[in-house]
Amino acid sequence: MLQHNKKIQELFKKHGLKIKAKYIKAGSLRGCWRIYNLSINWNNDIAKKINRMGFVDFDRKPLGIFSGNGGVLSIFIRGHEELLK
């Protein structure tokens, strides 16, 4: 696993969320992180927690109840590019 993906997973772990992550370098979602854990149901509390961590959705808007994919934590977010270094 790439170091920057490990770093973001550690950041989320410090905030109580166990996720898998991948930074997208090319394509229409270039510059986004894909984070997911299909065993975590998406809700406003998780959206607010991720917003407070300094992330936004792929359109650079705050995350909300409709940001989750099918009701689970599977989203594309932007933020914390310093972890790429």
Protein backbone atom coordinates (compact mmCIF):
# COMPACT_ATOMS: atom_id res chain seq x y z
CA MET A 1 0.00 0.00 0.00
CA LEU A 2 1.24 3.49 -0.81
CA GLN A 3 2.44 5.64 2.10
CA HIS A 4 -0.07 8.45 1.54
CA ASN A 5 -2.97 5.96 1.62
CA LYS A 6 -1.63 4.56 4.91
CA LYS A 7 -1.32 8.07 6.33
CA ILE A 8 -4.92 9.00 5.61
CA GLN A 9 -6.14 5.71 7.06
CA GLU A 10 -4.18 6.52 10.24
CA LEU A 11 -5.72 10.01 10.34
CA PHE A 12 -9.22 8.56 10.17
CA LYS A 13 -8.33 5.93 12.77
CA LYS A 14 -7.32 8.72 15.18
CA HIS A 15 -10.82 10.14 14.69
CA GLY A 16 -12.52 6.80 15.35
CA LEU A 17 -13.25 5.70 11.77
CA LYS A 18 -11.70 2.57 10.32
CA ILE A 19 -11.65 3.07 6.55
CA LYS A 20 -9.81 1.94 3.47
CA ALA A 21 -8.48 4.70 1.22
CA LYS A 22 -7.02 5.35 -2.19
CA TYR A 23 -5.80 8.63 -3.66
CA ILE A 24 -6.92 9.12 -7.27
CA LYS A 25 -4.19 10.60 -9.47
CA ALA A 26 -5.89 10.58 -12.88
CA GLY A 27 -9.31 10.85 -14.46
CA SER A 28 -12.41 12.86 -13.68
CA LEU A 29 -11.98 12.41 -9.92
CA ARG A 30 -8.28 13.37 -9.98
CA GLY A 31 -7.25 14.90 -6.67
CA CYS A 32 -9.84 13.01 -4.62
CA TRP A 33 -9.54 10.35 -1.98
CA ARG A 34 -11.86 7.37 -2.24
CA ILE A 35 -12.65 6.26 1.27
CA TYR A 36 -14.91 3.40 2.22
CA ASN A 37 -16.02 0.93 4.82
CA LEU A 38 -19.13 -0.91 3.72
CA SER A 39 -19.91 -2.01 7.27
CA ILE A 40 -20.42 1.63 8.40
CA ASN A 41 -23.82 3.15 7.66
CA TRP A 42 -23.67 6.70 6.32
CA ASN A 43 -25.40 9.35 8.44
CA ASN A 44 -25.22 13.05 9.26
CA ASP A 45 -22.96 12.46 12.28
CA ILE A 46 -20.28 10.82 10.14
CA ALA A 47 -20.65 13.53 7.48
CA LYS A 48 -20.18 16.24 10.13
CA LYS A 49 -17.16 14.42 11.62
CA ILE A 50 -15.45 14.22 8.21
CA ASN A 51 -16.29 17.88 7.51
CA ARG A 52 -14.71 18.88 10.86
CA MET A 53 -11.60 16.93 9.88
CA GLY A 54 -11.15 19.40 7.03
CA PHE A 55 -12.56 17.43 4.10
CA VAL A 56 -15.16 18.39 1.49
CA ASP A 57 -16.90 16.37 -1.21
CA PHE A 58 -15.55 16.00 -4.74
CA ASP A 59 -17.34 19.25 -5.74
CA ARG A 60 -15.65 21.07 -2.83
CA LYS A 61 -18.95 21.36 -0.92
CA PRO A 62 -19.60 20.17 2.64
CA LEU A 63 -20.60 16.55 3.03
CA GLY A 64 -24.23 15.81 3.89
CA ILE A 65 -26.71 12.99 4.27
CA PHE A 66 -26.85 12.36 0.51
CA SER A 67 -23.04 12.13 0.11
CA GLY A 68 -22.93 8.47 1.12
CA ASN A 69 -23.17 5.82 -1.54
CA GLY A 70 -26.30 3.73 -1.03
CA GLY A 71 -26.39 4.46 2.69
CA VAL A 72 -22.87 3.22 3.42
CA LEU A 73 -19.57 5.01 3.89
CA SER A 74 -18.26 4.98 0.33
CA ILE A 75 -17.40 8.50 -0.84
CA PHE A 76 -14.97 10.68 -2.75
CA ILE A 77 -13.51 13.58 -0.77
CA ARG A 78 -10.91 16.31 -1.12
CA GLY A 79 -8.52 17.63 1.49
CA HIS A 80 -5.27 17.02 3.36
CA GLU A 81 -3.06 17.03 0.29
CA GLU A 82 -0.10 17.42 2.64
CA LEU A 83 -0.32 13.66 3.23
CA LEU A 84 0.86 13.14 -0.35
CA LYS A 85 4.37 14.40 0.49
